[in-house]
N, C-alpha and C. Protein backbone atom coordinates (compact mmCIF):
# COMPACT_ATOMS: atom_id res chain seq x y z
N MET A 1 5.78 39.88 -21.69
CA MET A 1 7.05 39.34 -21.24
C MET A 1 7.67 38.51 -22.36
N LYS A 2 8.98 38.68 -22.56
CA LYS A 2 9.67 38.02 -23.65
C LYS A 2 9.74 36.52 -23.43
N GLN A 3 9.49 35.75 -24.50
CA GLN A 3 9.54 34.30 -24.39
C GLN A 3 10.98 33.82 -24.41
N THR A 4 11.24 32.74 -23.69
CA THR A 4 12.54 32.09 -23.68
C THR A 4 12.35 30.64 -24.12
N ILE A 5 13.46 29.89 -24.21
CA ILE A 5 13.38 28.48 -24.58
C ILE A 5 12.53 27.73 -23.56
N LEU A 6 12.59 28.17 -22.30
CA LEU A 6 11.86 27.49 -21.23
C LEU A 6 10.36 27.53 -21.43
N ASN A 7 9.86 28.67 -21.92
CA ASN A 7 8.40 28.79 -22.02
C ASN A 7 7.91 29.08 -23.45
N ARG A 8 8.72 28.69 -24.43
CA ARG A 8 8.28 28.86 -25.82
C ARG A 8 7.12 27.91 -26.12
N LYS A 9 6.05 28.44 -26.63
CA LYS A 9 4.83 27.66 -26.83
C LYS A 9 4.90 26.79 -28.07
N PHE A 10 4.24 25.63 -28.00
CA PHE A 10 4.07 24.77 -29.16
C PHE A 10 2.88 25.27 -29.98
N ARG A 11 2.89 25.00 -31.27
CA ARG A 11 1.71 25.26 -32.08
C ARG A 11 0.61 24.29 -31.64
N TYR A 12 -0.59 24.81 -31.40
CA TYR A 12 -1.65 23.97 -30.86
C TYR A 12 -2.07 22.89 -31.86
N SER A 13 -2.19 21.67 -31.34
CA SER A 13 -2.74 20.56 -32.11
C SER A 13 -3.33 19.57 -31.12
N TYR A 14 -4.29 18.80 -31.59
CA TYR A 14 -4.91 17.80 -30.72
C TYR A 14 -4.91 16.46 -31.43
N THR A 15 -4.16 15.49 -30.89
CA THR A 15 -4.04 14.18 -31.50
C THR A 15 -4.37 13.05 -30.53
N ASN A 16 -5.04 13.39 -29.45
CA ASN A 16 -5.47 12.39 -28.45
C ASN A 16 -4.30 11.59 -27.89
N VAL A 17 -3.30 12.31 -27.40
CA VAL A 17 -2.12 11.68 -26.81
C VAL A 17 -2.49 10.88 -25.56
N ALA A 18 -3.45 11.38 -24.79
CA ALA A 18 -3.85 10.68 -23.55
C ALA A 18 -4.29 9.25 -23.86
N LEU A 19 -5.09 9.09 -24.89
CA LEU A 19 -5.54 7.75 -25.28
C LEU A 19 -4.37 6.88 -25.71
N LYS A 20 -3.43 7.46 -26.44
CA LYS A 20 -2.26 6.71 -26.89
C LYS A 20 -1.40 6.28 -25.70
N LEU A 21 -1.30 7.14 -24.69
CA LEU A 21 -0.55 6.78 -23.48
C LEU A 21 -1.24 5.63 -22.75
N ILE A 22 -2.56 5.65 -22.72
CA ILE A 22 -3.31 4.56 -22.10
C ILE A 22 -3.04 3.25 -22.82
N ILE A 23 -3.02 3.29 -24.15
CA ILE A 23 -2.76 2.09 -24.94
C ILE A 23 -1.35 1.57 -24.69
N ILE A 24 -0.37 2.48 -24.64
CA ILE A 24 1.02 2.09 -24.37
C ILE A 24 1.13 1.43 -23.01
N ASN A 25 0.49 2.01 -22.00
CA ASN A 25 0.51 1.43 -20.66
C ASN A 25 -0.10 0.03 -20.65
N ALA A 26 -1.21 -0.13 -21.39
CA ALA A 26 -1.88 -1.42 -21.45
C ALA A 26 -0.99 -2.46 -22.13
N VAL A 27 -0.33 -2.07 -23.21
CA VAL A 27 0.56 -2.99 -23.94
C VAL A 27 1.73 -3.41 -23.05
N VAL A 28 2.34 -2.45 -22.37
CA VAL A 28 3.47 -2.76 -21.48
C VAL A 28 3.02 -3.69 -20.36
N PHE A 29 1.82 -3.43 -19.82
CA PHE A 29 1.29 -4.29 -18.75
C PHE A 29 1.15 -5.73 -19.24
N LEU A 30 0.59 -5.90 -20.43
CA LEU A 30 0.43 -7.24 -20.99
C LEU A 30 1.78 -7.91 -21.24
N LEU A 31 2.74 -7.14 -21.74
CA LEU A 31 4.07 -7.69 -22.00
C LEU A 31 4.75 -8.15 -20.72
N THR A 32 4.62 -7.37 -19.65
CA THR A 32 5.24 -7.77 -18.38
C THR A 32 4.55 -8.97 -17.77
N MET A 33 3.27 -9.15 -18.09
CA MET A 33 2.57 -10.35 -17.63
C MET A 33 3.04 -11.59 -18.41
N LEU A 34 3.28 -11.40 -19.70
CA LEU A 34 3.69 -12.51 -20.55
C LEU A 34 5.18 -12.83 -20.39
N VAL A 35 5.97 -11.76 -20.17
CA VAL A 35 7.43 -11.93 -20.00
C VAL A 35 7.83 -11.29 -18.68
N PRO A 36 7.69 -12.01 -17.56
CA PRO A 36 7.94 -11.43 -16.23
C PRO A 36 9.33 -10.79 -16.09
N ARG A 37 10.31 -11.31 -16.81
CA ARG A 37 11.66 -10.75 -16.71
C ARG A 37 11.70 -9.29 -17.14
N LEU A 38 10.80 -8.93 -18.05
CA LEU A 38 10.74 -7.56 -18.56
C LEU A 38 10.40 -6.58 -17.45
N TYR A 39 9.65 -7.04 -16.47
CA TYR A 39 9.26 -6.20 -15.32
C TYR A 39 10.49 -5.63 -14.63
N GLY A 40 11.50 -6.47 -14.41
CA GLY A 40 12.72 -6.03 -13.74
C GLY A 40 13.54 -5.05 -14.55
N TYR A 41 13.43 -5.13 -15.88
CA TYR A 41 14.16 -4.22 -16.75
C TYR A 41 13.53 -2.82 -16.78
N LEU A 42 12.21 -2.78 -16.69
CA LEU A 42 11.50 -1.51 -16.87
C LEU A 42 11.11 -0.82 -15.57
N ALA A 43 10.90 -1.59 -14.50
CA ALA A 43 10.58 -0.99 -13.21
C ALA A 43 11.79 -0.22 -12.69
N MET A 44 11.57 0.66 -11.71
CA MET A 44 12.69 1.42 -11.16
C MET A 44 13.21 0.73 -9.90
N VAL A 45 14.42 0.21 -10.01
CA VAL A 45 15.08 -0.47 -8.89
C VAL A 45 16.36 0.31 -8.60
N PRO A 46 16.45 1.02 -7.48
CA PRO A 46 17.61 1.87 -7.20
C PRO A 46 18.96 1.16 -7.35
N SER A 47 19.08 -0.07 -6.86
CA SER A 47 20.36 -0.78 -6.95
C SER A 47 20.75 -1.06 -8.40
N TYR A 48 19.76 -1.33 -9.26
CA TYR A 48 20.06 -1.56 -10.67
C TYR A 48 20.55 -0.28 -11.34
N ILE A 49 19.95 0.84 -10.95
CA ILE A 49 20.37 2.12 -11.54
C ILE A 49 21.77 2.48 -11.07
N LEU A 50 22.06 2.26 -9.79
CA LEU A 50 23.36 2.66 -9.23
C LEU A 50 24.49 1.75 -9.68
N TYR A 51 24.24 0.44 -9.71
CA TYR A 51 25.33 -0.50 -9.95
C TYR A 51 25.32 -1.12 -11.35
N ARG A 52 24.16 -1.17 -11.97
CA ARG A 52 24.10 -1.69 -13.34
C ARG A 52 23.95 -0.57 -14.37
N HIS A 53 23.72 0.63 -13.87
CA HIS A 53 23.57 1.82 -14.72
C HIS A 53 22.38 1.72 -15.66
N TRP A 54 21.30 1.18 -15.17
CA TRP A 54 20.07 1.10 -15.95
C TRP A 54 19.29 2.40 -15.79
N TYR A 55 19.82 3.47 -16.32
CA TYR A 55 19.28 4.81 -16.08
C TYR A 55 17.90 5.01 -16.71
N TRP A 56 17.60 4.21 -17.72
CA TRP A 56 16.30 4.36 -18.38
C TRP A 56 15.12 4.09 -17.43
N GLN A 57 15.39 3.44 -16.32
CA GLN A 57 14.30 3.06 -15.42
C GLN A 57 13.59 4.26 -14.79
N VAL A 58 14.27 5.41 -14.67
CA VAL A 58 13.60 6.59 -14.11
C VAL A 58 12.52 7.10 -15.07
N PHE A 59 12.55 6.62 -16.31
CA PHE A 59 11.54 6.97 -17.30
C PHE A 59 10.54 5.83 -17.50
N THR A 60 11.05 4.62 -17.66
CA THR A 60 10.17 3.50 -18.02
C THR A 60 9.29 3.04 -16.86
N TYR A 61 9.67 3.34 -15.61
CA TYR A 61 8.90 2.86 -14.46
C TYR A 61 7.44 3.30 -14.54
N MET A 62 7.19 4.45 -15.17
CA MET A 62 5.82 4.99 -15.17
C MET A 62 4.90 4.26 -16.14
N PHE A 63 5.46 3.35 -16.93
CA PHE A 63 4.64 2.56 -17.85
C PHE A 63 4.42 1.13 -17.34
N VAL A 64 4.97 0.84 -16.17
CA VAL A 64 4.87 -0.50 -15.59
C VAL A 64 3.91 -0.47 -14.41
N HIS A 65 3.08 -1.50 -14.28
CA HIS A 65 2.13 -1.56 -13.17
C HIS A 65 2.15 -2.93 -12.51
N ALA A 66 1.86 -2.91 -11.21
CA ALA A 66 2.00 -4.12 -10.41
C ALA A 66 0.90 -5.14 -10.68
N ASN A 67 -0.30 -4.68 -10.90
CA ASN A 67 -1.43 -5.58 -11.11
C ASN A 67 -2.54 -4.86 -11.87
N PHE A 68 -3.62 -5.57 -12.12
CA PHE A 68 -4.71 -5.00 -12.93
C PHE A 68 -5.37 -3.80 -12.24
N THR A 69 -5.59 -3.91 -10.93
CA THR A 69 -6.21 -2.79 -10.19
C THR A 69 -5.35 -1.54 -10.27
N HIS A 70 -4.05 -1.74 -10.16
CA HIS A 70 -3.10 -0.62 -10.21
C HIS A 70 -3.22 0.13 -11.53
N ILE A 71 -3.15 -0.60 -12.62
CA ILE A 71 -3.22 0.07 -13.93
C ILE A 71 -4.62 0.61 -14.20
N LEU A 72 -5.65 -0.08 -13.73
CA LEU A 72 -7.02 0.35 -13.98
C LEU A 72 -7.27 1.75 -13.41
N PHE A 73 -6.92 1.96 -12.14
CA PHE A 73 -7.20 3.24 -11.51
C PHE A 73 -6.31 4.35 -12.07
N ASN A 74 -5.06 4.03 -12.38
CA ASN A 74 -4.20 5.04 -12.99
C ASN A 74 -4.70 5.46 -14.36
N MET A 75 -5.12 4.50 -15.15
CA MET A 75 -5.59 4.83 -16.50
C MET A 75 -6.95 5.52 -16.47
N LEU A 76 -7.78 5.20 -15.49
CA LEU A 76 -9.03 5.94 -15.31
C LEU A 76 -8.74 7.40 -15.01
N GLY A 77 -7.73 7.64 -14.17
CA GLY A 77 -7.33 9.01 -13.87
C GLY A 77 -6.82 9.74 -15.09
N LEU A 78 -6.02 9.04 -15.90
CA LEU A 78 -5.49 9.64 -17.13
C LEU A 78 -6.62 9.94 -18.11
N PHE A 79 -7.59 9.04 -18.17
CA PHE A 79 -8.72 9.23 -19.07
C PHE A 79 -9.60 10.40 -18.64
N MET A 80 -9.95 10.44 -17.35
CA MET A 80 -10.89 11.46 -16.86
C MET A 80 -10.28 12.85 -16.79
N PHE A 81 -9.04 12.94 -16.38
CA PHE A 81 -8.42 14.25 -16.19
C PHE A 81 -7.47 14.63 -17.32
N GLY A 82 -6.81 13.63 -17.90
CA GLY A 82 -5.83 13.92 -18.93
C GLY A 82 -6.44 14.43 -20.23
N MET A 83 -7.56 13.85 -20.62
CA MET A 83 -8.16 14.26 -21.89
C MET A 83 -8.61 15.71 -21.91
N PRO A 84 -9.34 16.20 -20.89
CA PRO A 84 -9.70 17.62 -20.91
C PRO A 84 -8.50 18.55 -20.79
N VAL A 85 -7.47 18.13 -20.05
CA VAL A 85 -6.25 18.95 -19.95
C VAL A 85 -5.57 19.03 -21.31
N GLU A 86 -5.50 17.90 -22.01
CA GLU A 86 -4.88 17.89 -23.33
C GLU A 86 -5.63 18.78 -24.31
N ARG A 87 -6.97 18.75 -24.24
CA ARG A 87 -7.76 19.61 -25.13
C ARG A 87 -7.46 21.09 -24.87
N ARG A 88 -7.20 21.43 -23.62
CA ARG A 88 -6.96 22.83 -23.28
C ARG A 88 -5.56 23.30 -23.69
N ILE A 89 -4.54 22.50 -23.42
CA ILE A 89 -3.17 22.97 -23.65
C ILE A 89 -2.56 22.43 -24.94
N GLY A 90 -3.21 21.47 -25.59
CA GLY A 90 -2.68 20.90 -26.82
C GLY A 90 -1.89 19.62 -26.56
N SER A 91 -1.80 18.78 -27.55
CA SER A 91 -1.21 17.45 -27.39
C SER A 91 0.30 17.49 -27.14
N ARG A 92 1.02 18.35 -27.83
CA ARG A 92 2.47 18.40 -27.63
C ARG A 92 2.81 18.87 -26.23
N GLU A 93 2.11 19.90 -25.79
CA GLU A 93 2.35 20.42 -24.44
C GLU A 93 1.99 19.37 -23.39
N PHE A 94 0.88 18.68 -23.63
CA PHE A 94 0.44 17.67 -22.68
C PHE A 94 1.44 16.52 -22.61
N LEU A 95 1.97 16.08 -23.75
CA LEU A 95 2.94 14.99 -23.76
C LEU A 95 4.20 15.38 -23.01
N LEU A 96 4.69 16.60 -23.27
CA LEU A 96 5.87 17.09 -22.55
C LEU A 96 5.59 17.14 -21.06
N PHE A 97 4.43 17.68 -20.69
CA PHE A 97 4.05 17.80 -19.28
C PHE A 97 4.01 16.42 -18.61
N TYR A 98 3.36 15.48 -19.24
CA TYR A 98 3.18 14.15 -18.66
C TYR A 98 4.51 13.42 -18.48
N LEU A 99 5.31 13.39 -19.55
CA LEU A 99 6.57 12.65 -19.49
C LEU A 99 7.58 13.33 -18.57
N LEU A 100 7.61 14.66 -18.59
CA LEU A 100 8.58 15.38 -17.77
C LEU A 100 8.24 15.25 -16.28
N THR A 101 6.99 15.47 -15.91
CA THR A 101 6.63 15.35 -14.49
C THR A 101 6.77 13.92 -14.00
N GLY A 102 6.45 12.95 -14.85
CA GLY A 102 6.61 11.56 -14.46
C GLY A 102 8.06 11.19 -14.26
N THR A 103 8.93 11.64 -15.17
CA THR A 103 10.37 11.35 -15.07
C THR A 103 10.99 12.04 -13.87
N LEU A 104 10.66 13.31 -13.67
CA LEU A 104 11.21 14.04 -12.53
C LEU A 104 10.73 13.44 -11.20
N SER A 105 9.50 12.96 -11.17
CA SER A 105 9.00 12.29 -9.97
C SER A 105 9.79 11.01 -9.71
N GLY A 106 10.16 10.32 -10.79
CA GLY A 106 10.97 9.12 -10.65
C GLY A 106 12.37 9.44 -10.12
N ILE A 107 12.99 10.48 -10.66
CA ILE A 107 14.33 10.90 -10.22
C ILE A 107 14.29 11.33 -8.75
N PHE A 108 13.25 12.10 -8.39
CA PHE A 108 13.11 12.53 -7.01
C PHE A 108 12.96 11.32 -6.08
N SER A 109 12.16 10.36 -6.49
CA SER A 109 11.96 9.16 -5.69
C SER A 109 13.25 8.37 -5.55
N LEU A 110 13.99 8.26 -6.65
CA LEU A 110 15.27 7.54 -6.63
C LEU A 110 16.22 8.16 -5.61
N ILE A 111 16.36 9.48 -5.66
CA ILE A 111 17.25 10.18 -4.73
C ILE A 111 16.79 9.95 -3.29
N SER A 112 15.49 9.99 -3.07
CA SER A 112 14.95 9.79 -1.72
C SER A 112 15.23 8.39 -1.21
N TYR A 113 15.04 7.39 -2.08
CA TYR A 113 15.27 6.00 -1.67
C TYR A 113 16.75 5.75 -1.40
N VAL A 114 17.62 6.29 -2.25
CA VAL A 114 19.06 6.10 -2.07
C VAL A 114 19.50 6.77 -0.77
N ALA A 115 19.00 7.98 -0.52
CA ALA A 115 19.36 8.70 0.70
C ALA A 115 18.90 7.95 1.94
N ALA A 116 17.74 7.29 1.83
CA ALA A 116 17.20 6.55 2.98
C ALA A 116 17.78 5.15 3.09
N GLY A 117 18.56 4.73 2.08
CA GLY A 117 19.16 3.41 2.10
C GLY A 117 18.19 2.28 1.85
N THR A 118 17.09 2.59 1.15
CA THR A 118 16.10 1.55 0.84
C THR A 118 16.20 1.17 -0.64
N ASN A 119 15.94 -0.10 -0.91
CA ASN A 119 15.99 -0.59 -2.28
C ASN A 119 14.64 -1.19 -2.65
N VAL A 120 13.68 -0.32 -2.94
CA VAL A 120 12.34 -0.77 -3.28
C VAL A 120 12.19 -0.80 -4.79
N ILE A 121 11.11 -1.42 -5.24
CA ILE A 121 10.78 -1.42 -6.66
C ILE A 121 9.65 -0.42 -6.87
N LEU A 122 9.89 0.59 -7.70
CA LEU A 122 8.89 1.61 -7.96
C LEU A 122 8.29 1.41 -9.34
N VAL A 123 6.97 1.28 -9.40
CA VAL A 123 6.28 1.16 -10.68
C VAL A 123 5.00 1.99 -10.64
N GLY A 124 4.51 2.34 -11.82
CA GLY A 124 3.22 3.01 -11.91
C GLY A 124 3.30 4.44 -12.40
N ALA A 125 2.21 4.87 -13.00
CA ALA A 125 2.11 6.21 -13.57
C ALA A 125 1.63 7.25 -12.56
N SER A 126 1.56 6.88 -11.28
CA SER A 126 0.93 7.74 -10.29
C SER A 126 1.53 9.14 -10.19
N GLY A 127 2.86 9.24 -10.29
CA GLY A 127 3.49 10.56 -10.22
C GLY A 127 2.97 11.46 -11.32
N ALA A 128 2.92 10.95 -12.54
CA ALA A 128 2.41 11.73 -13.67
C ALA A 128 0.91 11.96 -13.54
N ILE A 129 0.17 10.97 -13.02
CA ILE A 129 -1.28 11.12 -12.87
C ILE A 129 -1.61 12.19 -11.84
N TYR A 130 -0.88 12.23 -10.75
CA TYR A 130 -1.10 13.28 -9.76
C TYR A 130 -0.78 14.64 -10.36
N ALA A 131 0.23 14.71 -11.21
CA ALA A 131 0.55 15.96 -11.90
C ALA A 131 -0.61 16.37 -12.80
N VAL A 132 -1.19 15.40 -13.50
CA VAL A 132 -2.33 15.68 -14.37
C VAL A 132 -3.53 16.16 -13.55
N LEU A 133 -3.74 15.56 -12.38
CA LEU A 133 -4.83 15.98 -11.51
C LEU A 133 -4.67 17.45 -11.10
N LEU A 134 -3.44 17.83 -10.74
CA LEU A 134 -3.22 19.23 -10.38
C LEU A 134 -3.47 20.15 -11.57
N SER A 135 -3.02 19.73 -12.75
CA SER A 135 -3.23 20.57 -13.94
C SER A 135 -4.71 20.72 -14.24
N PHE A 136 -5.48 19.65 -14.04
CA PHE A 136 -6.93 19.73 -14.24
C PHE A 136 -7.54 20.73 -13.27
N ALA A 137 -7.09 20.70 -12.02
CA ALA A 137 -7.63 21.61 -11.01
C ALA A 137 -7.29 23.06 -11.32
N VAL A 138 -6.14 23.29 -11.96
CA VAL A 138 -5.75 24.66 -12.32
C VAL A 138 -6.54 25.16 -13.53
N LEU A 139 -6.70 24.30 -14.52
CA LEU A 139 -7.36 24.70 -15.76
C LEU A 139 -8.88 24.66 -15.66
N TYR A 140 -9.39 23.85 -14.76
CA TYR A 140 -10.85 23.74 -14.57
C TYR A 140 -11.18 23.88 -13.08
N PRO A 141 -10.93 25.06 -12.52
CA PRO A 141 -11.09 25.24 -11.06
C PRO A 141 -12.52 25.09 -10.57
N TYR A 142 -13.50 25.24 -11.45
CA TYR A 142 -14.90 25.11 -11.03
C TYR A 142 -15.42 23.68 -11.18
N ALA A 143 -14.64 22.81 -11.78
CA ALA A 143 -15.09 21.43 -12.00
C ALA A 143 -15.31 20.73 -10.67
N ARG A 144 -16.34 19.93 -10.62
CA ARG A 144 -16.66 19.16 -9.41
C ARG A 144 -16.43 17.68 -9.68
N ILE A 145 -15.72 17.05 -8.76
CA ILE A 145 -15.42 15.63 -8.85
C ILE A 145 -16.20 14.91 -7.76
N PHE A 146 -16.87 13.85 -8.12
CA PHE A 146 -17.68 13.12 -7.15
C PHE A 146 -16.85 12.01 -6.50
N ILE A 147 -16.58 12.19 -5.21
CA ILE A 147 -15.83 11.20 -4.45
C ILE A 147 -16.72 9.99 -4.20
N PHE A 148 -16.21 8.80 -4.55
CA PHE A 148 -16.99 7.55 -4.45
C PHE A 148 -18.29 7.64 -5.25
N GLY A 149 -18.32 8.58 -6.22
CA GLY A 149 -19.50 8.74 -7.05
C GLY A 149 -20.66 9.39 -6.34
N ILE A 150 -20.43 9.92 -5.11
CA ILE A 150 -21.52 10.47 -4.30
C ILE A 150 -21.26 11.90 -3.87
N PHE A 151 -20.08 12.15 -3.26
CA PHE A 151 -19.80 13.43 -2.63
C PHE A 151 -19.10 14.38 -3.60
N PRO A 152 -19.73 15.49 -3.97
CA PRO A 152 -19.10 16.43 -4.91
C PRO A 152 -18.04 17.28 -4.22
N MET A 153 -16.93 17.48 -4.92
CA MET A 153 -15.85 18.31 -4.38
C MET A 153 -15.17 19.04 -5.53
N ARG A 154 -14.95 20.33 -5.37
CA ARG A 154 -14.26 21.08 -6.41
C ARG A 154 -12.83 20.58 -6.55
N ALA A 155 -12.34 20.58 -7.79
CA ALA A 155 -11.04 20.00 -8.10
C ALA A 155 -9.90 20.58 -7.26
N PRO A 156 -9.80 21.91 -7.07
CA PRO A 156 -8.70 22.42 -6.25
C PRO A 156 -8.73 21.91 -4.82
N LEU A 157 -9.92 21.78 -4.26
CA LEU A 157 -10.04 21.27 -2.90
C LEU A 157 -9.60 19.81 -2.83
N LEU A 158 -9.90 19.06 -3.88
CA LEU A 158 -9.48 17.66 -3.92
C LEU A 158 -7.96 17.55 -3.93
N VAL A 159 -7.30 18.43 -4.68
CA VAL A 159 -5.83 18.43 -4.72
C VAL A 159 -5.27 18.73 -3.33
N ILE A 160 -5.83 19.71 -2.65
CA ILE A 160 -5.37 20.06 -1.30
C ILE A 160 -5.59 18.89 -0.35
N LEU A 161 -6.76 18.24 -0.47
CA LEU A 161 -7.06 17.10 0.39
C LEU A 161 -6.10 15.95 0.13
N TYR A 162 -5.84 15.65 -1.14
CA TYR A 162 -4.92 14.57 -1.48
C TYR A 162 -3.51 14.87 -0.98
N THR A 163 -3.10 16.14 -1.08
CA THR A 163 -1.78 16.53 -0.59
C THR A 163 -1.67 16.26 0.90
N ALA A 164 -2.69 16.66 1.65
CA ALA A 164 -2.69 16.45 3.10
C ALA A 164 -2.66 14.96 3.44
N ILE A 165 -3.43 14.17 2.70
CA ILE A 165 -3.47 12.72 2.95
C ILE A 165 -2.12 12.08 2.66
N GLU A 166 -1.51 12.46 1.53
CA GLU A 166 -0.22 11.88 1.16
C GLU A 166 0.87 12.27 2.16
N MET A 167 0.84 13.51 2.62
CA MET A 167 1.83 13.95 3.62
C MET A 167 1.64 13.19 4.93
N PHE A 168 0.40 13.02 5.34
CA PHE A 168 0.10 12.28 6.57
C PHE A 168 0.60 10.84 6.45
N ASN A 169 0.28 10.19 5.34
CA ASN A 169 0.68 8.81 5.15
C ASN A 169 2.19 8.65 5.05
N GLN A 170 2.85 9.63 4.45
CA GLN A 170 4.31 9.58 4.35
C GLN A 170 4.96 9.70 5.72
N VAL A 171 4.44 10.61 6.54
CA VAL A 171 5.01 10.85 7.87
C VAL A 171 4.74 9.68 8.81
N PHE A 172 3.51 9.19 8.78
CA PHE A 172 3.12 8.15 9.74
C PHE A 172 3.17 6.73 9.18
N GLY A 173 3.64 6.60 7.95
CA GLY A 173 3.85 5.28 7.39
C GLY A 173 2.59 4.50 7.10
N SER A 174 1.49 5.19 6.81
CA SER A 174 0.23 4.50 6.52
C SER A 174 0.24 3.94 5.10
N THR A 175 -0.57 2.92 4.87
CA THR A 175 -0.71 2.26 3.57
C THR A 175 0.65 1.94 2.96
N ARG A 176 1.35 1.02 3.59
CA ARG A 176 2.67 0.60 3.10
C ARG A 176 2.57 0.03 1.69
N GLY A 177 3.62 0.24 0.92
CA GLY A 177 3.63 -0.23 -0.45
C GLY A 177 3.15 0.81 -1.44
N VAL A 178 2.74 1.98 -0.93
CA VAL A 178 2.28 3.08 -1.78
C VAL A 178 3.36 4.16 -1.80
N ALA A 179 3.70 4.65 -2.98
CA ALA A 179 4.79 5.63 -3.13
C ALA A 179 4.26 7.04 -2.88
N HIS A 180 4.07 7.39 -1.62
CA HIS A 180 3.50 8.70 -1.29
C HIS A 180 4.41 9.84 -1.74
N LEU A 181 5.73 9.65 -1.61
CA LEU A 181 6.67 10.69 -2.04
C LEU A 181 6.56 10.94 -3.54
N THR A 182 6.34 9.89 -4.30
CA THR A 182 6.20 10.04 -5.75
C THR A 182 4.95 10.83 -6.09
N HIS A 183 3.87 10.57 -5.36
CA HIS A 183 2.63 11.31 -5.57
C HIS A 183 2.83 12.79 -5.27
N LEU A 184 3.47 13.07 -4.13
CA LEU A 184 3.72 14.46 -3.75
C LEU A 184 4.66 15.13 -4.76
N ALA A 185 5.63 14.38 -5.25
CA ALA A 185 6.54 14.93 -6.27
C ALA A 185 5.77 15.29 -7.53
N GLY A 186 4.78 14.46 -7.90
CA GLY A 186 3.95 14.76 -9.06
C GLY A 186 3.25 16.10 -8.91
N PHE A 187 2.67 16.33 -7.75
CA PHE A 187 2.04 17.62 -7.47
C PHE A 187 3.07 18.75 -7.55
N GLY A 188 4.21 18.53 -6.92
CA GLY A 188 5.23 19.58 -6.85
C GLY A 188 5.79 19.95 -8.21
N PHE A 189 6.12 18.97 -9.03
CA PHE A 189 6.67 19.27 -10.35
C PHE A 189 5.62 19.85 -11.29
N ALA A 190 4.37 19.43 -11.11
CA ALA A 190 3.29 20.04 -11.91
C ALA A 190 3.15 21.52 -11.56
N TYR A 191 3.23 21.82 -10.28
CA TYR A 191 3.15 23.22 -9.83
C TYR A 191 4.28 24.04 -10.47
N LEU A 192 5.50 23.50 -10.44
CA LEU A 192 6.63 24.21 -11.02
C LEU A 192 6.49 24.36 -12.53
N TYR A 193 5.94 23.35 -13.18
CA TYR A 193 5.74 23.41 -14.63
C TYR A 193 4.81 24.55 -14.99
N PHE A 194 3.71 24.66 -14.26
CA PHE A 194 2.77 25.75 -14.53
C PHE A 194 3.41 27.10 -14.24
N LEU A 195 4.17 27.16 -13.18
CA LEU A 195 4.78 28.42 -12.77
C LEU A 195 5.86 28.86 -13.75
N LEU A 196 6.75 27.95 -14.14
CA LEU A 196 7.92 28.31 -14.93
C LEU A 196 7.67 28.27 -16.44
N ARG A 197 6.92 27.29 -16.90
CA ARG A 197 6.72 27.18 -18.35
C ARG A 197 5.44 27.85 -18.82
N LEU A 198 4.34 27.58 -18.15
CA LEU A 198 3.06 28.14 -18.59
C LEU A 198 2.77 29.51 -18.00
N ARG A 199 3.61 29.93 -17.05
CA ARG A 199 3.46 31.24 -16.40
C ARG A 199 2.09 31.40 -15.76
N ILE A 200 1.65 30.36 -15.11
CA ILE A 200 0.40 30.37 -14.38
C ILE A 200 0.70 29.95 -12.95
N ASN A 201 0.29 30.77 -12.00
CA ASN A 201 0.47 30.42 -10.59
C ASN A 201 -0.80 29.70 -10.12
N PRO A 202 -0.72 28.39 -9.85
CA PRO A 202 -1.92 27.65 -9.45
C PRO A 202 -2.64 28.24 -8.25
N ILE A 203 -1.90 28.69 -7.27
CA ILE A 203 -2.53 29.25 -6.06
C ILE A 203 -3.29 30.52 -6.40
N ASP A 204 -2.70 31.36 -7.25
CA ASP A 204 -3.40 32.59 -7.66
C ASP A 204 -4.68 32.24 -8.42
N GLU A 205 -4.62 31.21 -9.26
CA GLU A 205 -5.81 30.80 -10.01
C GLU A 205 -6.91 30.33 -9.06
N TRP A 206 -6.55 29.58 -8.05
CA TRP A 206 -7.54 29.08 -7.10
C TRP A 206 -8.11 30.20 -6.26
N ARG A 207 -7.30 31.15 -5.89
CA ARG A 207 -7.79 32.30 -5.11
C ARG A 207 -8.76 33.13 -5.94
N ARG A 208 -8.42 33.28 -7.21
CA ARG A 208 -9.25 34.08 -8.10
C ARG A 208 -10.60 33.42 -8.37
N ASN A 209 -10.63 32.11 -8.33
CA ASN A 209 -11.85 31.38 -8.70
C ASN A 209 -12.52 30.68 -7.52
N ARG A 210 -12.16 31.07 -6.31
CA ARG A 210 -12.76 30.37 -5.17
C ARG A 210 -14.19 30.85 -4.95
């Protein structure tokens, strides 16, 4: 099939982008702790985007975290799943994937919040991390992840389970303060990325390797 601009491949290289993203997130976290005002500039606040035109927030929100636990678990996810994904697809592709899915998840969340008339503060890399989790499950369908360090579960099944949990929590309003729509958007945009750019159908891959 003829390549287009949409799916033109990068030359493979590996420069450990995942680690660099972790460092950037850590630096931003420290800066927002030292200069609290910076938090409001970088987090995603719908009213600021609509009325102050701070459009950069749909991108920068993914580098801001609410507290140490928040950044710790997100960066653990990026470390555990992002590094093997980057090794498989290359650093340039991984960087594009991470930033694009994270930004699109932010835009999707913004539209959802504006439509619902809510003005929440959205922070965290979770949208991009959920996208990375789906990509890991597609590229390593036989990998087993130990839930709570005890219960083994194949990566594709974990993605399906997380999707069901996020949908349930979104519908029934469980665990308030968690951006379930952003998580689901991460899965959704990752799926589209694989389908449209990498020409891989995640569902077909899981069926083939079940």
